[in-house]
Amino acid sequence: MKFLILDGYTDEPAGLGVPPYIGTYPRYAAGVFYHYGYRDVHYITIDKLREELKRGYDLNKFDIIVAICGFHTPGKYLNVKPATLKEIVSILYNYRGIKILGGPAGTRFGSSMEGGILKDEERYKSFFHLVAEGDLEKLLSDLIENRFNLEKIDREYYQLRDYKSIREFAIKGAKIVKEHPNYPYVVAEIETYRGCSRYLSGGCSFCTEPRRFGTPKFRDEKDIVDEIGELYNQGVRYFRIGRQPCIFSYKSVESEREEIPKPNVEAIEKLFKGIWSRAKPKVLHIDNANPAVIARHEEESRKVAKILVKYCTSGNVAAFGVESFDEKVIKMNNLLTTPEDVLKAVEILNEVGGRKGPSGLPYLLPGINLLFGLKGESKRTFKINYQYLKEIYDRGLMLRRINIRQVVPFYGTNIDTRDVKKAKKRKKLFLSFKEKVREEIDKPMLKRVIPKGTVLRDVLLEVKEKNLYFGRQLGTYPILVGIKEEGLELRSFVDVKVVDYGRRSITGVVVSVK
């Protein structure tokens, strides 16, 4: 049999699969087929497929197509265009084989391509023979064991696997990365655990993570290290330990009984030391961290931050899910983290990770996520959020980036369309707030984090528009770099000296071509 994994890209609160990243879904899916002895397994991104279809690409040469797509945290992306479920249905309309849907679009929560808008995708989901509302790799495994008898598989398949069963799939699926169009310049998103301790009180009002997975369930350190080791053997040199709500809470012994669990320093050191002893990554970064955990368990969190500085590469960002500094919004949306927690956590990471590393960026800085459209929001919320961002700046602290989004009313969460309608009335205020932050906070903050004359190492050139190249360092939340040069080659690395600033980007001149 012949299989195709179609990657339409995914973006979730705890997992990124948009190029240059490759997410867990396609790798695990490929691993299932390899595990059961199939060898004719292929992978293609939606961008690559759009090109190939113009040249007569024949989808009907495959017996099964597994389509992966869906967004729970929509963003803006450089040089790629994620697929909508509608587009995938149109592409597969005349395909005669078995069609399977996985990723966030397949879940009961659905997906959204834009903040504040939730698409009605049920009619598109009905187009597929099977929909993975639970774990895609569990569905594929059951399908194979049932000899591809569709009648023995629930059409809307909702089962979750345990991490013992995922070990072989994760390791065996590693080799599919070689079919990624960005290879070898691809960042592998690595899963450490699923679920969230906030589940104990129902979780944040808008978040799908605790509702999908419940309390935390952790992968073993050895399984993670072995997966990274195999990815390294396949030529991957860039990794993000990003598939979790809070890296500081990894393997916490309090995770099932405390919403703000004490970090397990020993387990975190074992994990990152193990990664570094097994592979020598060019980039090793993290993603999410709970500022309340860092602030309320300061001693342990300082130790964890030092571990991250020691074993990870510079340019690392711990994304704080602050969402709002307004205490009314915090209470009504069960956010738990206080403004004081955030300020303290920002200070701690600045103290431990604020010095500049070889990449030209500090080793470990916080980022802040703000979310608008939540319950209890008012005009005053915008003023409060701005005041705290300004306070962080005025204290001389550094933030690597500020992410400002609008909430999406996913099924099963406590946010509904009424909240979004209320937020629409404040659309102009939202846009003016965003503009004010970009100009008055982001731009001066960028100058603080990356002063003029700083040399950013290993900027990968990705796009050319007329005489202007755009590139980024590979890693978590990379800074966009604009370069006015001639004769450079795309997909090449350059070292760039900072000469000017945008609001969230820099202008540089090439000082070295790799």
Protein backbone atom coordinates (compact mmCIF):
# COMPACT_ATOMS: atom_id res chain seq x y z
CA MET A 1 0.00 0.00 0.00
CA LYS A 2 1.02 3.58 -0.61
CA PHE A 3 0.43 6.37 1.91
CA LEU A 4 0.61 10.17 1.75
CA ILE A 5 0.75 12.48 4.77
CA LEU A 6 -0.48 15.92 3.73
CA ASP A 7 0.70 18.57 6.18
CA GLY A 8 -1.58 21.62 6.09
CA TYR A 9 0.22 22.90 9.24
CA THR A 10 -0.95 23.17 12.84
CA ASP A 11 -0.68 25.78 15.57
CA GLU A 12 -1.92 25.07 19.09
CA PRO A 13 -1.41 26.52 22.60
CA ALA A 14 1.22 23.83 23.17
CA GLY A 15 2.53 22.82 19.77
CA LEU A 16 3.70 24.47 16.55
CA GLY A 17 3.83 22.80 13.14
CA VAL A 18 4.25 25.70 10.71
CA PRO A 19 7.49 25.81 8.67
CA PRO A 20 10.32 26.01 9.44
CA TYR A 21 8.84 23.82 12.19
CA ILE A 22 7.65 20.28 11.68
CA GLY A 23 5.09 19.25 14.26
CA THR A 24 4.46 15.97 16.01
CA TYR A 25 1.38 14.93 13.98
CA PRO A 26 3.10 14.02 10.69
CA ARG A 27 6.08 12.37 12.39
CA TYR A 28 3.94 10.20 14.66
CA ALA A 29 1.63 9.28 11.74
CA ALA A 30 4.59 8.22 9.61
CA GLY A 31 5.93 6.26 12.57
CA VAL A 32 2.72 4.22 12.75
CA PHE A 33 3.05 3.10 9.12
CA TYR A 34 6.75 2.30 9.51
CA HIS A 35 6.07 0.45 12.78
CA TYR A 36 3.65 -1.90 11.04
CA GLY A 37 6.11 -2.65 8.25
CA TYR A 38 4.93 -0.31 5.50
CA ARG A 39 7.68 1.43 3.56
CA ASP A 40 5.90 3.36 0.80
CA VAL A 41 5.16 6.36 3.03
CA HIS A 42 5.37 9.91 1.71
CA TYR A 43 5.07 13.39 3.18
CA ILE A 44 4.22 16.68 1.50
CA THR A 45 3.44 20.15 2.81
CA ILE A 46 0.44 22.08 1.53
CA ASP A 47 2.69 24.73 -0.04
CA LYS A 48 4.64 22.09 -1.94
CA LEU A 49 1.44 20.32 -3.01
CA ARG A 50 -0.01 23.54 -4.44
CA GLU A 51 3.07 23.75 -6.69
CA GLU A 52 2.95 20.08 -7.64
CA LEU A 53 -0.75 20.14 -8.53
CA LYS A 54 -0.02 22.75 -11.19
CA ARG A 55 2.31 20.18 -12.77
CA GLY A 56 -0.27 17.39 -12.74
CA TYR A 57 0.50 15.69 -9.44
CA ASP A 58 -1.60 12.49 -9.21
CA LEU A 59 -3.09 12.01 -5.75
CA ASN A 60 -4.82 8.81 -6.81
CA LYS A 61 -1.54 6.90 -6.81
CA PHE A 62 -1.94 6.74 -3.02
CA ASP A 63 -4.23 4.26 -1.24
CA ILE A 64 -4.61 6.46 1.85
CA ILE A 65 -4.13 10.18 2.38
CA VAL A 66 -3.83 11.49 5.92
CA ALA A 67 -4.54 15.24 5.98
CA ILE A 68 -3.35 17.26 8.98
CA CYS A 69 -4.41 20.83 9.69
CA GLY A 70 -6.01 23.16 12.21
CA PHE A 71 -5.30 26.20 14.35
CA HIS A 72 -6.11 26.98 17.96
CA THR A 73 -3.66 29.89 18.18
CA PRO A 74 -3.64 31.57 14.76
CA GLY A 75 -0.69 33.76 13.82
CA LYS A 76 1.12 35.39 10.91
CA TYR A 77 3.69 33.35 9.05
CA LEU A 78 6.57 34.17 6.73
CA ASN A 79 6.66 32.57 3.29
CA VAL A 80 4.02 29.90 4.00
CA LYS A 81 0.24 29.73 3.69
CA PRO A 82 -1.53 27.28 6.01
CA ALA A 83 -4.38 25.23 4.60
CA THR A 84 -7.99 25.65 5.57
CA LEU A 85 -10.13 22.56 5.86
CA LYS A 86 -12.18 23.87 2.95
CA GLU A 87 -9.08 23.98 0.76
CA ILE A 88 -8.05 20.44 1.67
CA VAL A 89 -11.54 19.17 0.83
CA SER A 90 -11.38 20.90 -2.56
CA ILE A 91 -7.95 19.37 -3.27
CA LEU A 92 -9.11 15.87 -2.31
CA TYR A 93 -12.54 16.14 -3.94
CA ASN A 94 -11.72 13.75 -6.80
CA TYR A 95 -9.43 11.52 -4.78
CA ARG A 96 -10.73 7.91 -4.77
CA GLY A 97 -8.81 6.43 -1.82
CA ILE A 98 -9.34 6.51 1.94
CA LYS A 99 -9.32 10.05 3.35
CA ILE A 100 -8.39 10.60 7.02
CA LEU A 101 -8.37 13.91 8.90
CA GLY A 102 -6.08 14.65 11.86
CA GLY A 103 -4.88 17.67 13.79
CA PRO A 104 -6.87 20.40 15.58
CA ALA A 105 -9.36 20.62 12.69
CA GLY A 106 -10.40 17.07 13.42
CA THR A 107 -11.12 17.57 17.11
CA ARG A 108 -14.46 18.46 18.63
CA PHE A 109 -13.02 21.95 19.21
CA GLY A 110 -12.50 22.69 15.51
CA SER A 111 -10.03 25.35 14.41
CA SER A 112 -9.78 28.97 13.39
CA MET A 113 -7.52 30.81 10.97
CA GLU A 114 -8.16 34.19 12.56
CA GLY A 115 -8.55 35.47 16.10
CA GLY A 116 -12.17 36.08 17.06
CA ILE A 117 -13.54 33.88 14.26
CA LEU A 118 -14.46 30.22 14.55
CA LYS A 119 -15.24 28.53 11.25
CA ASP A 120 -18.08 26.04 11.03
CA GLU A 121 -16.19 23.03 9.75
CA GLU A 122 -18.59 20.15 10.46
CA ARG A 123 -19.77 19.90 6.86
CA TYR A 124 -16.16 19.66 5.68
CA LYS A 125 -15.30 17.01 8.27
CA SER A 126 -18.10 14.80 6.94
CA PHE A 127 -16.17 14.55 3.66
CA PHE A 128 -13.53 12.30 5.26
CA HIS A 129 -13.88 8.57 5.79
CA LEU A 130 -12.34 8.90 9.28
CA VAL A 131 -11.80 11.89 11.57
CA ALA A 132 -9.37 11.74 14.48
CA GLU A 133 -11.16 13.59 17.26
CA GLY A 134 -8.70 11.91 19.59
CA ASP A 135 -5.16 10.85 18.73
CA LEU A 136 -4.42 10.43 15.04
CA GLU A 137 -1.73 7.82 15.57
CA LYS A 138 -4.10 5.72 17.73
CA LEU A 139 -6.69 5.80 14.95
CA LEU A 140 -4.13 4.79 12.32
CA SER A 141 -2.84 1.98 14.52
CA ASP A 142 -6.34 0.61 15.07
CA LEU A 143 -7.15 0.92 11.37
CA ILE A 144 -4.10 -1.12 10.40
CA GLU A 145 -4.79 -3.77 13.07
CA ASN A 146 -8.34 -4.03 11.69
CA ARG A 147 -6.93 -4.58 8.17
CA PHE A 148 -8.26 -1.22 6.92
CA ASN A 149 -11.87 -2.26 7.52
CA LEU A 150 -13.55 1.13 7.91
CA GLU A 151 -16.70 -0.42 9.34
CA LYS A 152 -14.80 -1.52 12.44
CA ILE A 153 -13.58 2.00 13.21
CA ASP A 154 -15.76 4.76 14.64
CA ARG A 155 -16.06 7.49 12.06
CA GLU A 156 -15.41 10.22 14.63
CA TYR A 157 -12.67 8.48 16.51
CA TYR A 158 -12.07 9.72 20.05
CA GLN A 159 -9.43 7.69 21.84
CA LEU A 160 -6.22 8.83 23.49
CA ARG A 161 -3.03 6.81 23.61
CA ASP A 162 -0.53 6.56 26.42
CA TYR A 163 3.09 7.54 26.07
CA LYS A 164 4.35 3.96 26.16
CA SER A 165 2.66 3.33 22.82
CA ILE A 166 3.97 6.55 21.29
CA ARG A 167 7.67 5.82 21.89
CA GLU A 168 8.17 3.64 18.81
CA PHE A 169 6.03 5.84 16.58
CA ALA A 170 8.00 8.97 17.55
CA ILE A 171 11.37 7.33 16.94
CA LYS A 172 10.45 5.46 13.75
CA GLY A 173 8.69 8.48 12.25
CA ALA A 174 11.79 10.65 12.56
CA LYS A 175 13.05 9.86 9.07
CA ILE A 176 10.03 11.51 7.41
CA VAL A 177 11.69 14.89 8.13
CA LYS A 178 13.92 14.35 5.09
CA GLU A 179 10.88 14.93 2.87
CA HIS A 180 10.22 18.37 4.39
CA PRO A 181 10.99 21.10 1.81
CA ASN A 182 12.99 23.04 4.40
CA TYR A 183 15.21 20.06 5.27
CA PRO A 184 17.84 20.17 6.72
CA TYR A 185 16.86 23.62 7.98
CA VAL A 186 13.82 22.37 9.85
CA VAL A 187 12.97 22.78 13.55
CA ALA A 188 11.53 19.66 15.18
CA GLU A 189 8.80 20.37 17.74
CA ILE A 190 9.23 17.94 20.63
CA GLU A 191 6.46 16.82 22.98
CA THR A 192 7.18 16.42 26.71
CA TYR A 193 3.69 16.14 28.16
CA ARG A 194 0.04 16.86 27.59
CA GLY A 195 -2.63 18.19 29.88
CA CYS A 196 -2.42 21.00 32.42
CA SER A 197 -2.56 21.31 36.20
CA ARG A 198 -5.07 24.10 35.74
CA TYR A 199 -7.53 21.31 34.95
CA LEU A 200 -8.05 21.01 38.71
CA SER A 201 -10.19 24.17 38.71
CA GLY A 202 -11.46 23.93 35.13
CA GLY A 203 -8.57 25.71 33.42
CA CYS A 204 -8.42 29.14 31.80
CA SER A 205 -11.77 30.08 30.26
CA PHE A 206 -10.56 30.01 26.65
CA CYS A 207 -8.04 27.15 26.63
CA THR A 208 -8.60 23.76 24.98
CA GLU A 209 -5.55 21.99 26.51
CA PRO A 210 -6.97 20.93 29.92
CA ARG A 211 -10.33 20.11 28.36
CA ARG A 212 -8.77 17.85 25.75
CA PHE A 213 -6.25 16.06 27.95
CA GLY A 214 -7.06 16.61 31.65
CA THR A 215 -4.29 16.51 34.24
CA PRO A 216 -0.66 16.28 33.04
CA LYS A 217 0.65 13.01 31.62
CA PHE A 218 4.42 13.07 31.12
CA ARG A 219 6.73 11.42 28.64
CA ASP A 220 9.76 9.69 30.09
CA GLU A 221 13.06 11.53 29.75
CA LYS A 222 14.65 8.58 27.96
CA ASP A 223 11.87 8.45 25.35
CA ILE A 224 12.32 12.14 24.56
CA VAL A 225 16.11 11.85 24.40
CA ASP A 226 15.90 8.77 22.15
CA GLU A 227 13.51 10.55 19.78
CA ILE A 228 15.82 13.56 19.56
CA GLY A 229 18.77 11.21 19.07
CA GLU A 230 17.06 9.60 16.09
CA LEU A 231 16.05 12.98 14.63
CA TYR A 232 19.70 14.01 14.99
CA ASN A 233 20.76 10.84 13.16
CA GLN A 234 18.39 11.86 10.36
CA GLY A 235 20.13 15.23 10.00
CA VAL A 236 17.99 17.48 12.22
CA ARG A 237 20.02 20.02 14.19
CA TYR A 238 17.30 22.37 15.44
CA PHE A 239 14.89 21.47 18.24
CA ARG A 240 12.23 23.12 20.34
CA ILE A 241 10.94 21.49 23.51
CA GLY A 242 7.64 23.19 22.95
CA ARG A 243 4.78 20.72 23.18
CA GLN A 244 3.75 21.44 26.79
CA PRO A 245 1.89 24.15 28.76
CA CYS A 246 4.83 24.83 31.11
CA ILE A 247 8.35 23.43 30.85
CA PHE A 248 9.02 24.43 34.47
CA SER A 249 6.26 21.97 35.50
CA TYR A 250 7.67 18.97 33.63
CA LYS A 251 7.34 15.85 35.81
CA SER A 252 6.34 17.85 38.88
CA VAL A 253 5.23 15.44 41.60
CA GLU A 254 2.55 17.96 42.54
CA SER A 255 1.06 18.22 39.06
CA GLU A 256 -2.11 16.23 39.84
CA ARG A 257 -2.93 18.00 43.10
CA GLU A 258 -1.63 21.57 42.78
CA GLU A 259 -2.52 24.15 40.11
CA ILE A 260 0.85 25.81 40.63
CA PRO A 261 3.11 22.78 41.07
CA LYS A 262 6.66 22.93 42.39
CA PRO A 263 9.24 22.30 39.62
CA ASN A 264 11.01 18.95 39.56
CA VAL A 265 14.54 20.28 39.12
CA GLU A 266 16.15 16.83 38.94
CA ALA A 267 13.88 15.60 36.14
CA ILE A 268 14.35 18.77 34.09
CA GLU A 269 18.13 18.58 34.44
CA LYS A 270 18.06 14.89 33.49
CA LEU A 271 16.06 15.73 30.37
CA PHE A 272 18.19 18.60 29.07
CA LYS A 273 21.51 17.07 30.06
CA GLY A 274 20.40 13.89 28.32
CA ILE A 275 19.51 15.76 25.14
CA TRP A 276 22.89 17.47 25.07
CA SER A 277 24.80 14.25 25.71
CA ARG A 278 22.88 12.42 22.95
CA ALA A 279 22.92 15.18 20.34
CA LYS A 280 24.80 18.43 19.81
CA PRO A 281 21.99 20.73 18.65
CA LYS A 282 22.73 23.93 16.79
CA VAL A 283 19.53 25.24 18.38
CA LEU A 284 17.79 23.90 21.48
CA HIS A 285 14.91 26.08 22.67
CA ILE A 286 11.73 25.88 24.76
CA ASP A 287 8.33 27.54 24.49
CA ASN A 288 5.71 27.85 27.24
CA ALA A 289 6.26 28.62 30.91
CA ASN A 290 3.79 29.53 33.65
CA PRO A 291 4.91 32.77 35.35
CA ALA A 292 2.99 31.82 38.51
CA VAL A 293 5.09 28.66 38.85
CA ILE A 294 8.29 30.66 38.45
CA ALA A 295 7.23 33.41 40.87
CA ARG A 296 5.76 31.23 43.61
CA HIS A 297 8.52 28.61 43.55
CA GLU A 298 11.43 30.98 43.14
CA GLU A 299 14.23 28.78 44.47
CA GLU A 300 13.41 25.80 42.26
CA SER A 301 12.60 28.00 39.26
CA ARG A 302 15.95 29.78 39.44
CA LYS A 303 17.63 26.38 39.33
CA VAL A 304 15.53 25.38 36.31
CA ALA A 305 16.32 28.67 34.54
CA LYS A 306 20.04 28.04 35.11
CA ILE A 307 19.66 24.55 33.62
CA LEU A 308 18.00 26.06 30.55
CA VAL A 309 20.81 28.60 30.19
CA LYS A 310 23.42 25.86 30.57
CA TYR A 311 22.01 23.30 28.14
CA CYS A 312 19.92 25.36 25.70
CA THR A 313 21.26 27.74 23.08
CA SER A 314 20.97 31.52 23.26
CA GLY A 315 17.95 33.32 21.83
CA ASN A 316 15.67 31.17 23.97
CA VAL A 317 12.20 32.48 24.95
CA ALA A 318 9.89 31.38 27.74
CA ALA A 319 6.41 32.37 26.55
CA PHE A 320 4.26 33.53 29.47
CA GLY A 321 0.52 33.02 29.07
CA VAL A 322 -0.34 36.24 30.91
CA GLU A 323 -3.47 36.96 28.82
CA SER A 324 -4.46 39.98 30.95
CA PHE A 325 -3.18 42.16 33.79
CA ASP A 326 -6.73 43.28 34.64
CA GLU A 327 -7.68 41.62 37.95
CA LYS A 328 -11.37 41.55 37.01
CA VAL A 329 -10.57 39.70 33.79
CA ILE A 330 -8.19 37.39 35.67
CA LYS A 331 -10.92 36.43 38.14
CA MET A 332 -13.74 36.01 35.61
CA ASN A 333 -11.62 33.83 33.32
CA ASN A 334 -9.89 31.77 36.02
CA LEU A 335 -6.46 32.91 34.85
CA LEU A 336 -4.85 32.53 38.29
CA THR A 337 -1.59 34.37 37.46
CA THR A 338 -1.45 37.81 39.09
CA PRO A 339 0.35 40.90 37.77
CA GLU A 340 2.78 40.54 40.68
CA ASP A 341 3.56 36.97 39.58
CA VAL A 342 4.35 38.20 36.09
CA LEU A 343 6.61 41.02 37.24
CA LYS A 344 8.54 38.70 39.55
CA ALA A 345 8.90 35.99 36.90
CA VAL A 346 10.14 38.55 34.36
CA GLU A 347 12.74 39.76 36.88
CA ILE A 348 13.95 36.22 37.62
CA LEU A 349 14.47 35.28 33.97
CA ASN A 350 16.19 38.60 33.28
CA GLU A 351 18.59 38.01 36.15
CA VAL A 352 19.38 34.40 35.19
CA GLY A 353 19.15 34.54 31.40
CA GLY A 354 19.68 38.18 30.42
CA ARG A 355 23.32 38.02 29.34
CA LYS A 356 24.09 37.84 25.63
CA GLY A 357 25.10 34.52 24.08
CA PRO A 358 26.87 33.40 20.89
CA SER A 359 23.80 33.94 18.66
CA GLY A 360 23.85 37.66 19.48
CA LEU A 361 20.74 37.36 21.66
CA PRO A 362 20.37 36.89 25.42
CA TYR A 363 20.29 33.30 26.62
CA LEU A 364 16.76 33.19 28.07
CA LEU A 365 14.15 35.93 28.15
CA PRO A 366 10.41 35.97 28.81
CA GLY A 367 7.78 36.68 26.22
CA ILE A 368 4.27 37.83 27.07
CA ASN A 369 1.00 36.69 25.50
CA LEU A 370 -1.99 39.03 25.81
CA LEU A 371 -5.48 37.93 24.83
CA PHE A 372 -8.43 40.24 24.21
CA GLY A 373 -12.12 39.45 24.09
CA LEU A 374 -12.19 37.66 27.45
CA LYS A 375 -15.07 37.89 29.92
CA GLY A 376 -15.08 41.04 32.06
CA GLU A 377 -13.03 43.04 29.58
CA SER A 378 -13.64 46.78 29.39
CA LYS A 379 -11.94 49.88 28.02
CA ARG A 380 -10.06 50.02 31.30
CA THR A 381 -8.49 46.61 30.53
CA PHE A 382 -6.50 48.13 27.68
CA LYS A 383 -5.12 50.87 29.97
CA ILE A 384 -4.16 48.37 32.66
CA ASN A 385 -2.39 46.10 30.20
CA TYR A 386 -0.45 48.99 28.74
CA GLN A 387 0.53 50.30 32.20
CA TYR A 388 2.06 46.98 33.20
CA LEU A 389 3.95 46.60 29.94
CA LYS A 390 5.26 50.12 30.43
CA GLU A 391 6.24 49.29 34.00
CA ILE A 392 8.27 46.31 32.79
CA TYR A 393 10.04 48.57 30.32
CA ASP A 394 10.57 51.37 32.84
CA ARG A 395 12.17 48.95 35.30
CA GLY A 396 14.88 48.30 32.73
CA LEU A 397 13.77 44.72 32.15
CA MET A 398 13.78 42.86 28.84
CA LEU A 399 11.01 41.04 27.00
CA ARG A 400 11.85 39.13 23.88
CA ARG A 401 8.41 39.62 22.34
CA ILE A 402 4.80 40.62 23.11
CA ASN A 403 2.07 38.61 21.40
CA ILE A 404 -1.33 40.34 21.14
CA ARG A 405 -4.26 38.21 19.96
CA GLN A 406 -8.04 38.04 20.01
CA VAL A 407 -9.83 35.13 21.65
CA VAL A 408 -11.52 32.39 19.65
CA PRO A 409 -14.73 30.81 21.09
CA PHE A 410 -13.84 27.12 20.85
CA TYR A 411 -16.45 24.50 21.58
CA GLY A 412 -16.33 23.25 25.17
CA THR A 413 -14.58 26.30 26.57
CA ASN A 414 -16.21 29.08 28.59
CA ILE A 415 -15.84 31.63 25.81
CA ASP A 416 -18.78 31.92 23.45
CA THR A 417 -19.85 34.03 20.48
CA ARG A 418 -21.41 36.63 22.79
CA ASP A 419 -17.97 37.42 24.19
CA VAL A 420 -16.59 37.80 20.67
CA LYS A 421 -19.48 40.11 19.69
CA LYS A 422 -18.71 42.32 22.69
CA ALA A 423 -15.04 42.37 21.69
CA LYS A 424 -15.96 43.43 18.14
CA LYS A 425 -17.40 46.64 19.57
CA ARG A 426 -13.90 47.39 20.85
CA LYS A 427 -12.15 46.48 17.59
CA LYS A 428 -10.83 50.02 17.02
CA LEU A 429 -9.61 50.15 20.60
CA PHE A 430 -7.88 46.78 20.14
CA LEU A 431 -6.13 47.96 16.98
CA SER A 432 -5.08 51.28 18.51
CA PHE A 433 -3.76 49.45 21.60
CA LYS A 434 -1.78 47.09 19.41
CA GLU A 435 -0.35 50.01 17.44
CA LYS A 436 0.58 51.86 20.63
CA VAL A 437 2.37 48.82 22.09
CA ARG A 438 4.24 48.15 18.85
CA GLU A 439 5.49 51.72 18.62
CA GLU A 440 6.00 52.67 22.28
CA ILE A 441 7.00 49.34 23.85
CA ASP A 442 8.13 46.86 21.20
CA LYS A 443 10.43 49.14 19.28
CA PRO A 444 12.36 50.57 22.24
CA MET A 445 12.43 47.11 23.83
CA LEU A 446 13.99 45.70 20.67
CA LYS A 447 16.68 48.37 20.89
CA ARG A 448 17.37 47.30 24.47
CA VAL A 449 17.54 43.58 23.70
CA ILE A 450 19.52 43.98 20.46
CA PRO A 451 21.51 47.25 20.51
CA LYS A 452 22.84 48.72 17.27
CA GLY A 453 26.05 47.04 16.25
CA THR A 454 24.98 43.64 17.60
CA VAL A 455 25.87 40.81 15.24
CA LEU A 456 23.16 38.19 14.85
CA ARG A 457 24.74 34.90 13.84
CA ASP A 458 23.33 32.37 11.38
CA VAL A 459 20.39 34.24 9.88
CA LEU A 460 18.71 32.01 7.30
CA LEU A 461 17.61 33.91 4.17
CA GLU A 462 14.05 32.87 3.34
CA VAL A 463 12.41 35.45 1.08
CA LYS A 464 13.48 38.01 -1.51
CA GLU A 465 11.32 40.97 -2.53
CA LYS A 466 13.00 43.14 -5.17
CA ASN A 467 16.36 44.11 -3.63
CA LEU A 468 15.35 43.25 -0.07
CA TYR A 469 16.01 39.90 1.59
CA PHE A 470 14.17 38.69 4.66
CA GLY A 471 15.62 36.13 7.01
CA ARG A 472 15.44 34.76 10.52
CA GLN A 473 17.54 32.76 12.91
CA LEU A 474 16.12 29.27 13.36
CA GLY A 475 14.54 28.85 16.76
CA THR A 476 11.67 29.98 18.92
CA TYR A 477 10.01 33.32 18.06
CA PRO A 478 12.79 34.44 15.69
CA ILE A 479 13.28 38.11 14.86
CA LEU A 480 12.59 39.12 11.27
CA VAL A 481 15.70 40.61 9.65
CA GLY A 482 15.54 42.81 6.56
CA ILE A 483 18.71 43.07 4.47
CA LYS A 484 19.32 45.43 1.53
CA GLU A 485 21.94 43.57 -0.45
CA GLU A 486 22.55 42.13 -3.90
CA GLY A 487 23.75 38.70 -4.92
CA LEU A 488 22.77 36.73 -1.83
CA GLU A 489 21.36 33.21 -2.09
CA LEU A 490 18.12 32.08 -0.50
CA ARG A 491 18.46 29.18 1.97
CA SER A 492 21.95 30.38 2.88
CA PHE A 493 23.14 31.60 6.28
CA VAL A 494 24.63 35.03 6.93
CA ASP A 495 25.83 36.97 9.96
CA VAL A 496 24.11 40.33 10.17
CA LYS A 497 25.00 43.54 12.03
CA VAL A 498 22.02 45.50 13.37
CA VAL A 499 21.78 49.01 11.92
CA ASP A 500 18.10 50.00 12.32
CA TYR A 501 14.76 48.95 13.78
CA GLY A 502 11.16 48.34 12.87
CA ARG A 503 8.59 47.73 15.54
CA ARG A 504 9.11 43.98 15.59
CA SER A 505 11.94 43.58 13.12
CA ILE A 506 15.43 44.84 12.48
CA THR A 507 17.42 46.05 9.49
CA GLY A 508 20.91 44.65 9.15
CA VAL A 509 23.96 44.55 6.94
CA VAL A 510 25.76 41.33 6.11
CA VAL A 511 29.14 40.97 7.77
CA SER A 512 29.73 37.35 6.84
CA VAL A 513 28.33 34.80 4.40
CA LYS A 514 28.45 31.17 5.58
